[in-house]
Amino acid sequence: MTSTHTPHAARTTTPIVFTDGDGHVHTVPPGPCLIEPIDDDRVLVVWDETGERSASMSVIEAERAQQDGSLVLLD
């Protein structure tokens, strides 16, 4: 993940379950999404066909999802 606030086109290959900064559990289904760094610790994940679903994910969780192939940055 980069520290700039530029959104990145991405795709999830499997459901990604994570807890946001407020303790709410979210599941990003397989498919397209956008990843935008918020700060050094969190990224914003936007998903859904209409782009209306979003939540903040820790950078550690996002990097873990990238390492296991569940999250693929496309740009």
PDB file of N, CA and C in Angstrom:
ATOM      1  N   MET A   1       0.843  -1.176   0.000  1.00  0.00           N
ATOM      2  CA  MET A   1       0.000   0.000   0.000  1.00  0.00           C
ATOM      3  C   MET A   1       0.889   1.241   0.000  1.00  0.00           C
ATOM      4  N   THR A   2       0.443   2.238  -0.713  1.00  0.00           N
ATOM      5  CA  THR A   2       1.206   3.479  -0.750  1.00  0.00           C
ATOM      6  C   THR A   2       0.591   4.496   0.193  1.00  0.00           C
ATOM      7  N   SER A   3       1.359   5.508   0.555  1.00  0.00           N
ATOM      8  CA  SER A   3       0.853   6.501   1.502  1.00  0.00           C
ATOM      9  C   SER A   3       0.140   7.658   0.809  1.00  0.00           C
ATOM     10  N   THR A   4       0.141   7.712  -0.537  1.00  0.00           N
ATOM     11  CA  THR A   4      -0.597   8.762  -1.223  1.00  0.00           C
ATOM     12  C   THR A   4      -2.087   8.434  -1.176  1.00  0.00           C
ATOM     13  N   HIS A   5      -2.914   9.434  -1.400  1.00  0.00           N
ATOM     14  CA  HIS A   5      -4.359   9.236  -1.313  1.00  0.00           C
ATOM     15  C   HIS A   5      -4.985   8.933  -2.672  1.00  0.00           C
ATOM     16  N   THR A   6      -4.211   8.398  -3.583  1.00  0.00           N
ATOM     17  CA  THR A   6      -4.702   8.043  -4.907  1.00  0.00           C
ATOM     18  C   THR A   6      -5.441   6.713  -4.834  1.00  0.00           C
ATOM     19  N   PRO A   7      -6.693   6.658  -5.319  1.00  0.00           N
ATOM     20  CA  PRO A   7      -7.407   5.386  -5.319  1.00  0.00           C
ATOM     21  C   PRO A   7      -6.794   4.412  -6.323  1.00  0.00           C
ATOM     22  N   HIS A   8      -6.873   3.140  -6.004  1.00  0.00           N
ATOM     23  CA  HIS A   8      -6.365   2.087  -6.878  1.00  0.00           C
ATOM     24  C   HIS A   8      -7.501   1.153  -7.245  1.00  0.00           C
ATOM     25  N   ALA A   9      -7.610   0.843  -8.528  1.00  0.00           N
ATOM     26  CA  ALA A   9      -8.558  -0.182  -8.963  1.00  0.00           C
ATOM     27  C   ALA A   9      -8.047  -1.522  -8.449  1.00  0.00           C
ATOM     28  N   ALA A  10      -8.954  -2.335  -7.941  1.00  0.00           N
ATOM     29  CA  ALA A  10      -8.565  -3.629  -7.381  1.00  0.00           C
ATOM     30  C   ALA A  10      -9.677  -4.640  -7.620  1.00  0.00           C
ATOM     31  N   ARG A  11      -9.389  -5.873  -7.282  1.00  0.00           N
ATOM     32  CA  ARG A  11     -10.370  -6.947  -7.392  1.00  0.00           C
ATOM     33  C   ARG A  11     -10.145  -7.893  -6.230  1.00  0.00           C
ATOM     34  N   THR A  12     -11.240  -8.337  -5.638  1.00  0.00           N
ATOM     35  CA  THR A  12     -11.145  -9.383  -4.619  1.00  0.00           C
ATOM     36  C   THR A  12     -11.452 -10.712  -5.290  1.00  0.00           C
ATOM     37  N   THR A  13     -10.658 -11.716  -4.972  1.00  0.00           N
ATOM     38  CA  THR A  13     -10.838 -13.030  -5.580  1.00  0.00           C
ATOM     39  C   THR A  13     -11.633 -13.966  -4.684  1.00  0.00           C
ATOM     40  N   THR A  14     -11.665 -13.648  -3.416  1.00  0.00           N
ATOM     41  CA  THR A  14     -12.449 -14.398  -2.429  1.00  0.00           C
ATOM     42  C   THR A  14     -13.056 -13.378  -1.480  1.00  0.00           C
ATOM     43  N   PRO A  15     -14.092 -13.742  -0.725  1.00  0.00           N
ATOM     44  CA  PRO A  15     -14.625 -12.785   0.256  1.00  0.00           C
ATOM     45  C   PRO A  15     -13.545 -12.396   1.265  1.00  0.00           C
ATOM     46  N   ILE A  16     -13.493 -11.119   1.601  1.00  0.00           N
ATOM     47  CA  ILE A  16     -12.553 -10.627   2.602  1.00  0.00           C
ATOM     48  C   ILE A  16     -13.370 -10.112   3.777  1.00  0.00           C
ATOM     49  N   VAL A  17     -13.181 -10.710   4.927  1.00  0.00           N
ATOM     50  CA  VAL A  17     -13.885 -10.317   6.144  1.00  0.00           C
ATOM     51  C   VAL A  17     -12.911  -9.525   7.005  1.00  0.00           C
ATOM     52  N   PHE A  18     -13.347  -8.349   7.449  1.00  0.00           N
ATOM     53  CA  PHE A  18     -12.479  -7.517   8.280  1.00  0.00           C
ATOM     54  C   PHE A  18     -13.320  -6.660   9.205  1.00  0.00           C
ATOM     55  N   THR A  19     -12.673  -6.116  10.228  1.00  0.00           N
ATOM     56  CA  THR A  19     -13.312  -5.235  11.197  1.00  0.00           C
ATOM     57  C   THR A  19     -12.837  -3.817  10.940  1.00  0.00           C
ATOM     58  N   ASP A  20     -13.793  -2.874  10.830  1.00  0.00           N
ATOM     59  CA  ASP A  20     -13.414  -1.483  10.576  1.00  0.00           C
ATOM     60  C   ASP A  20     -12.941  -0.826  11.863  1.00  0.00           C
ATOM     61  N   GLY A  21     -12.590   0.436  11.785  1.00  0.00           N
ATOM     62  CA  GLY A  21     -12.067   1.166  12.936  1.00  0.00           C
ATOM     63  C   GLY A  21     -13.061   1.325  14.065  1.00  0.00           C
ATOM     64  N   ASP A  22     -14.368   1.171  13.768  1.00  0.00           N
ATOM     65  CA  ASP A  22     -15.404   1.283  14.796  1.00  0.00           C
ATOM     66  C   ASP A  22     -15.823  -0.066  15.360  1.00  0.00           C
ATOM     67  N   GLY A  23     -15.165  -1.139  14.925  1.00  0.00           N
ATOM     68  CA  GLY A  23     -15.482  -2.467  15.430  1.00  0.00           C
ATOM     69  C   GLY A  23     -16.564  -3.204  14.657  1.00  0.00           C
ATOM     70  N   HIS A  24     -17.056  -2.640  13.552  1.00  0.00           N
ATOM     71  CA  HIS A  24     -18.071  -3.306  12.739  1.00  0.00           C
ATOM     72  C   HIS A  24     -17.401  -4.289  11.781  1.00  0.00           C
ATOM     73  N   VAL A  25     -18.004  -5.454  11.631  1.00  0.00           N
ATOM     74  CA  VAL A  25     -17.463  -6.473  10.734  1.00  0.00           C
ATOM     75  C   VAL A  25     -18.066  -6.274   9.346  1.00  0.00           C
ATOM     76  N   HIS A  26     -17.218  -6.310   8.328  1.00  0.00           N
ATOM     77  CA  HIS A  26     -17.638  -6.155   6.934  1.00  0.00           C
ATOM     78  C   HIS A  26     -17.126  -7.338   6.127  1.00  0.00           C
ATOM     79  N   THR A  27     -17.847  -7.670   5.065  1.00  0.00           N
ATOM     80  CA  THR A  27     -17.400  -8.673   4.117  1.00  0.00           C
ATOM     81  C   THR A  27     -17.423  -8.061   2.733  1.00  0.00           C
ATOM     82  N   VAL A  28     -16.268  -8.001   2.097  1.00  0.00           N
ATOM     83  CA  VAL A  28     -16.177  -7.546   0.718  1.00  0.00           C
ATOM     84  C   VAL A  28     -16.302  -8.794  -0.147  1.00  0.00           C
ATOM     85  N   PRO A  29     -17.331  -8.872  -0.988  1.00  0.00           N
ATOM     86  CA  PRO A  29     -17.503 -10.057  -1.824  1.00  0.00           C
ATOM     87  C   PRO A  29     -16.501 -10.062  -2.974  1.00  0.00           C
ATOM     88  N   PRO A  30     -16.319 -11.204  -3.624  1.00  0.00           N
ATOM     89  CA  PRO A  30     -15.440 -11.235  -4.789  1.00  0.00           C
ATOM     90  C   PRO A  30     -15.947 -10.272  -5.860  1.00  0.00           C
ATOM     91  N   GLY A  31     -15.002  -9.577  -6.490  1.00  0.00           N
ATOM     92  CA  GLY A  31     -15.360  -8.658  -7.559  1.00  0.00           C
ATOM     93  C   GLY A  31     -14.544  -7.385  -7.495  1.00  0.00           C
ATOM     94  N   PRO A  32     -14.922  -6.401  -8.309  1.00  0.00           N
ATOM     95  CA  PRO A  32     -14.163  -5.160  -8.372  1.00  0.00           C
ATOM     96  C   PRO A  32     -14.337  -4.311  -7.126  1.00  0.00           C
ATOM     97  N   CYS A  33     -13.314  -3.530  -6.822  1.00  0.00           N
ATOM     98  CA  CYS A  33     -13.376  -2.594  -5.702  1.00  0.00           C
ATOM     99  C   CYS A  33     -12.338  -1.503  -5.930  1.00  0.00           C
ATOM    100  N   LEU A  34     -12.406  -0.484  -5.118  1.00  0.00           N
ATOM    101  CA  LEU A  34     -11.396   0.575  -5.104  1.00  0.00           C
ATOM    102  C   LEU A  34     -10.738   0.576  -3.737  1.00  0.00           C
ATOM    103  N   ILE A  35      -9.454   0.848  -3.711  1.00  0.00           N
ATOM    104  CA  ILE A  35      -8.695   0.951  -2.472  1.00  0.00           C
ATOM    105  C   ILE A  35      -8.071   2.342  -2.454  1.00  0.00           C
ATOM    106  N   GLU A  36      -8.353   3.113  -1.394  1.00  0.00           N
ATOM    107  CA  GLU A  36      -7.768   4.447  -1.280  1.00  0.00           C
ATOM    108  C   GLU A  36      -7.136   4.606   0.097  1.00  0.00           C
ATOM    109  N   PRO A  37      -5.827   4.852   0.137  1.00  0.00           N
ATOM    110  CA  PRO A  37      -5.188   5.076   1.432  1.00  0.00           C
ATOM    111  C   PRO A  37      -5.796   6.290   2.139  1.00  0.00           C
ATOM    112  N   ILE A  38      -6.094   6.140   3.424  1.00  0.00           N
ATOM    113  CA  ILE A  38      -6.618   7.226   4.244  1.00  0.00           C
ATOM    114  C   ILE A  38      -5.478   7.891   4.999  1.00  0.00           C
ATOM    115  N   ASP A  39      -4.661   7.051   5.619  1.00  0.00           N
ATOM    116  CA  ASP A  39      -3.482   7.511   6.349  1.00  0.00           C
ATOM    117  C   ASP A  39      -2.507   6.351   6.405  1.00  0.00           C
ATOM    118  N   ASP A  40      -1.511   6.421   7.265  1.00  0.00           N
ATOM    119  CA  ASP A  40      -0.497   5.367   7.326  1.00  0.00           C
ATOM    120  C   ASP A  40      -1.032   4.046   7.869  1.00  0.00           C
ATOM    121  N   ASP A  41      -2.193   4.068   8.537  1.00  0.00           N
ATOM    122  CA  ASP A  41      -2.712   2.868   9.198  1.00  0.00           C
ATOM    123  C   ASP A  41      -3.943   2.253   8.545  1.00  0.00           C
ATOM    124  N   ARG A  42      -4.689   3.028   7.712  1.00  0.00           N
ATOM    125  CA  ARG A  42      -5.971   2.547   7.199  1.00  0.00           C
ATOM    126  C   ARG A  42      -6.136   2.885   5.723  1.00  0.00           C
ATOM    127  N   VAL A  43      -6.906   2.049   5.036  1.00  0.00           N
ATOM    128  CA  VAL A  43      -7.309   2.306   3.660  1.00  0.00           C
ATOM    129  C   VAL A  43      -8.826   2.251   3.594  1.00  0.00           C
ATOM    130  N   LEU A  44      -9.408   2.972   2.655  1.00  0.00           N
ATOM    131  CA  LEU A  44     -10.834   2.918   2.406  1.00  0.00           C
ATOM    132  C   LEU A  44     -11.060   1.908   1.296  1.00  0.00           C
ATOM    133  N   VAL A  45     -11.960   0.962   1.529  1.00  0.00           N
ATOM    134  CA  VAL A  45     -12.327  -0.036   0.524  1.00  0.00           C
ATOM    135  C   VAL A  45     -13.750   0.292   0.078  1.00  0.00           C
ATOM    136  N   VAL A  46     -13.940   0.457  -1.231  1.00  0.00           N
ATOM    137  CA  VAL A  46     -15.260   0.747  -1.795  1.00  0.00           C
ATOM    138  C   VAL A  46     -15.614  -0.402  -2.718  1.00  0.00           C
ATOM    139  N   TRP A  47     -16.795  -0.984  -2.515  1.00  0.00           N
ATOM    140  CA  TRP A  47     -17.220  -2.106  -3.344  1.00  0.00           C
ATOM    141  C   TRP A  47     -18.714  -2.010  -3.606  1.00  0.00           C
ATOM    142  N   ASP A  48     -19.260  -2.934  -4.327  1.00  0.00           N
ATOM    143  CA  ASP A  48     -20.667  -3.024  -4.703  1.00  0.00           C
ATOM    144  C   ASP A  48     -20.805  -2.473  -6.121  1.00  0.00           C
ATOM    145  N   GLU A  49     -21.769  -2.961  -6.834  1.00  0.00           N
ATOM    146  CA  GLU A  49     -21.971  -2.531  -8.218  1.00  0.00           C
ATOM    147  C   GLU A  49     -22.194  -1.028  -8.320  1.00  0.00           C
ATOM    148  N   THR A  50     -22.821  -0.436  -7.319  1.00  0.00           N
ATOM    149  CA  THR A  50     -23.099   1.001  -7.350  1.00  0.00           C
ATOM    150  C   THR A  50     -22.044   1.811  -6.606  1.00  0.00           C
ATOM    151  N   GLY A  51     -21.086   1.146  -5.965  1.00  0.00           N
ATOM    152  CA  GLY A  51     -20.051   1.843  -5.218  1.00  0.00           C
ATOM    153  C   GLY A  51     -20.543   2.442  -3.916  1.00  0.00           C
ATOM    154  N   GLU A  52     -21.686   1.950  -3.444  1.00  0.00           N
ATOM    155  CA  GLU A  52     -22.278   2.517  -2.234  1.00  0.00           C
ATOM    156  C   GLU A  52     -21.823   1.840  -0.948  1.00  0.00           C
ATOM    157  N   ARG A  53     -21.073   0.773  -1.047  1.00  0.00           N
ATOM    158  CA  ARG A  53     -20.581   0.082   0.147  1.00  0.00           C
ATOM    159  C   ARG A  53     -19.133   0.462   0.355  1.00  0.00           C
ATOM    160  N   SER A  54     -18.791   0.864   1.566  1.00  0.00           N
ATOM    161  CA  SER A  54     -17.399   1.198   1.853  1.00  0.00           C
ATOM    162  C   SER A  54     -17.132   1.036   3.344  1.00  0.00           C
ATOM    163  N   ALA A  55     -15.867   0.861   3.656  1.00  0.00           N
ATOM    164  CA  ALA A  55     -15.435   0.758   5.052  1.00  0.00           C
ATOM    165  C   ALA A  55     -13.932   0.945   5.090  1.00  0.00           C
ATOM    166  N   SER A  56     -13.432   1.345   6.244  1.00  0.00           N
ATOM    167  CA  SER A  56     -11.984   1.471   6.393  1.00  0.00           C
ATOM    168  C   SER A  56     -11.414   0.142   6.887  1.00  0.00           C
ATOM    169  N   MET A  57     -10.308  -0.238   6.300  1.00  0.00           N
ATOM    170  CA  MET A  57      -9.615  -1.487   6.621  1.00  0.00           C
ATOM    171  C   MET A  57      -8.200  -1.127   7.041  1.00  0.00           C
ATOM    172  N   SER A  58      -7.658  -1.847   7.980  1.00  0.00           N
ATOM    173  CA  SER A  58      -6.277  -1.577   8.368  1.00  0.00           C
ATOM    174  C   SER A  58      -5.350  -1.939   7.211  1.00  0.00           C
ATOM    175  N   VAL A  59      -4.259  -1.207   7.112  1.00  0.00           N
ATOM    176  CA  VAL A  59      -3.265  -1.491   6.087  1.00  0.00           C
ATOM    177  C   VAL A  59      -2.733  -2.903   6.260  1.00  0.00           C
ATOM    178  N   ILE A  60      -2.583  -3.333   7.499  1.00  0.00           N
ATOM    179  CA  ILE A  60      -2.073  -4.686   7.771  1.00  0.00           C
ATOM    180  C   ILE A  60      -3.007  -5.730   7.178  1.00  0.00           C
ATOM    181  N   GLU A  61      -4.334  -5.561   7.367  1.00  0.00           N
ATOM    182  CA  GLU A  61      -5.293  -6.513   6.799  1.00  0.00           C
ATOM    183  C   GLU A  61      -5.274  -6.469   5.273  1.00  0.00           C
ATOM    184  N   ALA A  62      -5.167  -5.273   4.703  1.00  0.00           N
ATOM    185  CA  ALA A  62      -5.121  -5.145   3.240  1.00  0.00           C
ATOM    186  C   ALA A  62      -3.869  -5.814   2.682  1.00  0.00           C
ATOM    187  N   GLU A  63      -2.739  -5.606   3.325  1.00  0.00           N
ATOM    188  CA  GLU A  63      -1.500  -6.233   2.864  1.00  0.00           C
ATOM    189  C   GLU A  63      -1.570  -7.747   3.007  1.00  0.00           C
ATOM    190  N   ARG A  64      -2.181  -8.223   4.077  1.00  0.00           N
ATOM    191  CA  ARG A  64      -2.355  -9.672   4.270  1.00  0.00           C
ATOM    192  C   ARG A  64      -3.216 -10.245   3.145  1.00  0.00           C
ATOM    193  N   ALA A  65      -4.293  -9.538   2.789  1.00  0.00           N
ATOM    194  CA  ALA A  65      -5.169  -9.995   1.708  1.00  0.00           C
ATOM    195  C   ALA A  65      -4.423 -10.004   0.365  1.00  0.00           C
ATOM    196  N   GLN A  66      -3.539  -9.029   0.160  1.00  0.00           N
ATOM    197  CA  GLN A  66      -2.727  -9.016  -1.057  1.00  0.00           C
ATOM    198  C   GLN A  66      -1.777 -10.209  -1.081  1.00  0.00           C
ATOM    199  N   GLN A  67      -1.153 -10.489   0.041  1.00  0.00           N
ATOM    200  CA  GLN A  67      -0.183 -11.580   0.105  1.00  0.00           C
ATOM    201  C   GLN A  67      -0.825 -12.936  -0.142  1.00  0.00           C
ATOM    202  N   ASP A  68      -2.058 -13.127   0.344  1.00  0.00           N
ATOM    203  CA  ASP A  68      -2.681 -14.438   0.141  1.00  0.00           C
ATOM    204  C   ASP A  68      -3.475 -14.506  -1.169  1.00  0.00           C
ATOM    205  N   GLY A  69      -3.451 -13.420  -1.954  1.00  0.00           N
ATOM    206  CA  GLY A  69      -4.100 -13.431  -3.268  1.00  0.00           C
ATOM    207  C   GLY A  69      -5.570 -13.076  -3.249  1.00  0.00           C
ATOM    208  N   SER A  70      -6.111 -12.722  -2.078  1.00  0.00           N
ATOM    209  CA  SER A  70      -7.522 -12.363  -1.986  1.00  0.00           C
ATOM    210  C   SER A  70      -7.801 -10.976  -2.527  1.00  0.00           C
ATOM    211  N   LEU A  71      -6.787 -10.098  -2.526  1.00  0.00           N
ATOM    212  CA  LEU A  71      -6.919  -8.727  -3.008  1.00  0.00           C
ATOM    213  C   LEU A  71      -5.818  -8.479  -4.025  1.00  0.00           C
ATOM    214  N   VAL A  72      -6.226  -8.089  -5.230  1.00  0.00           N
ATOM    215  CA  VAL A  72      -5.265  -7.864  -6.314  1.00  0.00           C
ATOM    216  C   VAL A  72      -5.426  -6.425  -6.785  1.00  0.00           C
ATOM    217  N   LEU A  73      -4.346  -5.639  -6.665  1.00  0.00           N
ATOM    218  CA  LEU A  73      -4.371  -4.273  -7.203  1.00  0.00           C
ATOM    219  C   LEU A  73      -4.188  -4.370  -8.714  1.00  0.00           C
ATOM    220  N   LEU A  74      -5.009  -3.623  -9.455  1.00  0.00           N
ATOM    221  CA  LEU A  74      -4.984  -3.708 -10.911  1.00  0.00           C
ATOM    222  C   LEU A  74      -4.196  -2.586 -11.573  1.00  0.00           C
ATOM    223  N   ASP A  75      -3.823  -1.567 -10.814  1.00  0.00           N
ATOM    224  CA  ASP A  75      -3.035  -0.480 -11.393  1.00  0.00           C
ATOM    225  C   ASP A  75      -1.865  -0.110 -10.512  1.00  0.00           C
TER     226      ASP A  75
END
